[in-house]
Amino acid sequence: DLLDIVPISGVTVVKGDFRDEFPPGVKADVILSDLSPNLSGIANVDQARALELALAAIGFCRKALKPDGVFVAKAFQGEAFEDLRGRLKEMFTDVKVVKPSASRGESRETYVVARGLLGL
């Protein structure tokens, strides 16, 4: 995360930009992506920016996620959503889309959960 967060028991939080250098050999059980670009209010621009960040997070899994680890990412239904899902299906054996009950019904917010990283 770029910001300080309240410590969570049993969790190691790395503060910084995931696109920067990552310690070699360090592998995570879970990568949770709650990334969001600065929103412009222009739907297709915001979707493209969100997809770009999500794809970067998926790429990060190649170097930082254990083969049996889990990748969870917030995503928004829209033009870019199927591109995101397709990329995940290329890299993981199991991909699910989940809409938590806590999320407002009218919200386009969903989560993708991916397991079984391929090609390691």
Protein backbone atom coordinates (compact mmCIF):
# COMPACT_ATOMS: atom_id res chain seq x y z
CA ASP A 1 0.00 0.00 0.00
CA LEU A 2 1.14 3.57 -0.50
CA LEU A 3 -0.52 4.70 2.73
CA ASP A 4 -0.08 3.55 6.31
CA ILE A 5 -2.74 1.09 7.42
CA VAL A 6 -3.71 -0.25 10.81
CA PRO A 7 -1.66 -3.39 11.55
CA ILE A 8 -3.42 -6.72 11.09
CA SER A 9 -2.39 -9.64 13.27
CA GLY A 10 -0.53 -12.31 11.27
CA VAL A 11 -0.24 -10.11 8.17
CA THR A 12 2.89 -8.52 6.76
CA VAL A 13 2.04 -5.31 4.92
CA VAL A 14 4.57 -3.93 2.46
CA LYS A 15 4.38 -0.15 2.09
CA GLY A 16 5.32 1.13 -1.33
CA ASP A 17 4.47 1.02 -5.01
CA PHE A 18 4.24 -2.58 -6.21
CA ARG A 19 5.66 -1.51 -9.58
CA ASP A 20 8.95 -0.62 -7.90
CA GLU A 21 11.66 -3.19 -7.20
CA PHE A 22 10.43 -6.16 -5.15
CA PRO A 23 12.78 -8.23 -2.97
CA PRO A 24 13.84 -11.31 -4.97
CA GLY A 25 12.75 -14.67 -3.59
CA VAL A 26 9.94 -13.20 -1.47
CA LYS A 27 6.62 -14.87 -2.28
CA ALA A 28 3.15 -14.03 -0.98
CA ASP A 29 0.27 -16.33 -0.06
CA VAL A 30 -2.23 -13.64 -1.08
CA ILE A 31 -2.03 -10.57 -3.27
CA LEU A 32 -4.97 -8.25 -2.69
CA SER A 33 -5.43 -5.49 -5.23
CA ASP A 34 -7.71 -2.64 -4.24
CA LEU A 35 -6.08 -0.31 -6.74
CA SER A 36 -7.90 2.63 -8.20
CA PRO A 37 -6.63 5.33 -10.51
CA ASN A 38 -7.40 8.99 -9.94
CA LEU A 39 -10.87 9.17 -11.44
CA SER A 40 -11.67 11.68 -14.17
CA GLY A 41 -15.43 11.11 -14.30
CA ILE A 42 -15.14 9.97 -17.92
CA ALA A 43 -16.26 6.34 -17.80
CA ASN A 44 -14.20 4.89 -20.66
CA VAL A 45 -11.05 6.74 -19.56
CA ASP A 46 -11.47 5.59 -15.96
CA GLN A 47 -12.11 2.00 -17.13
CA ALA A 48 -8.93 2.03 -19.22
CA ARG A 49 -6.85 3.40 -16.34
CA ALA A 50 -8.32 0.85 -13.91
CA LEU A 51 -7.59 -1.97 -16.38
CA GLU A 52 -3.99 -0.78 -16.76
CA LEU A 53 -3.48 -0.94 -12.98
CA ALA A 54 -5.21 -4.32 -12.72
CA LEU A 55 -3.04 -5.77 -15.48
CA ALA A 56 0.06 -4.47 -13.70
CA ALA A 57 -1.12 -6.20 -10.50
CA ILE A 58 -1.66 -9.44 -12.42
CA GLY A 59 1.87 -9.15 -13.83
CA PHE A 60 3.13 -8.62 -10.29
CA CYS A 61 1.76 -12.06 -9.42
CA ARG A 62 4.39 -13.62 -11.72
CA LYS A 63 7.20 -12.47 -9.46
CA ALA A 64 5.55 -12.27 -6.05
CA LEU A 65 2.76 -14.87 -5.71
CA LYS A 66 3.31 -18.44 -4.55
CA PRO A 67 2.09 -21.01 -7.12
CA ASP A 68 -0.71 -22.05 -4.76
CA GLY A 69 -1.43 -18.45 -3.74
CA VAL A 70 -4.57 -16.41 -4.27
CA PHE A 71 -5.00 -13.15 -6.16
CA VAL A 72 -8.00 -10.98 -5.27
CA ALA A 73 -8.74 -7.76 -7.13
CA LYS A 74 -11.50 -5.18 -7.05
CA ALA A 75 -12.89 -4.61 -10.52
CA PHE A 76 -15.75 -2.69 -12.05
CA GLN A 77 -18.15 -4.11 -14.63
CA GLY A 78 -17.78 -2.30 -17.92
CA GLU A 79 -15.97 -2.38 -21.25
CA ALA A 80 -12.62 -3.46 -19.81
CA PHE A 81 -13.96 -6.13 -17.45
CA GLU A 82 -13.89 -8.99 -19.97
CA ASP A 83 -10.31 -8.07 -20.92
CA LEU A 84 -9.34 -8.37 -17.27
CA ARG A 85 -11.15 -11.67 -16.84
CA GLY A 86 -9.58 -13.04 -20.02
CA ARG A 87 -6.08 -12.15 -18.84
CA LEU A 88 -6.72 -13.84 -15.50
CA LYS A 89 -7.93 -17.00 -17.24
CA GLU A 90 -4.67 -17.07 -19.22
CA MET A 91 -2.61 -16.97 -16.00
CA PHE A 92 -4.67 -18.93 -13.46
CA THR A 93 -6.47 -22.27 -13.44
CA ASP A 94 -9.46 -21.01 -11.44
CA VAL A 95 -11.07 -17.57 -11.81
CA LYS A 96 -14.30 -16.51 -10.09
CA VAL A 97 -16.23 -13.26 -10.03
CA VAL A 98 -17.76 -12.38 -6.66
CA LYS A 99 -20.14 -9.58 -5.71
CA PRO A 100 -20.13 -9.30 -1.92
CA SER A 101 -23.47 -8.71 -0.22
CA ALA A 102 -21.92 -5.61 1.41
CA SER A 103 -21.60 -4.02 -2.04
CA ARG A 104 -24.57 -1.88 -3.08
CA GLY A 105 -26.77 -3.58 -5.65
CA GLU A 106 -26.50 -0.69 -8.12
CA SER A 107 -22.71 -0.56 -7.80
CA ARG A 108 -20.63 -1.93 -10.69
CA GLU A 109 -18.03 -3.03 -8.16
CA THR A 110 -17.13 -6.74 -8.11
CA TYR A 111 -14.14 -8.78 -7.09
CA VAL A 112 -12.22 -11.36 -9.06
CA VAL A 113 -10.59 -14.23 -7.19
CA ALA A 114 -7.92 -16.24 -8.99
CA ARG A 115 -6.06 -19.37 -7.86
CA GLY A 116 -3.59 -21.75 -9.44
CA LEU A 117 -0.95 -19.54 -11.03
CA LEU A 118 0.20 -21.12 -14.29
CA GLY A 119 3.64 -21.25 -15.84
CA LEU A 120 5.92 -21.16 -12.85
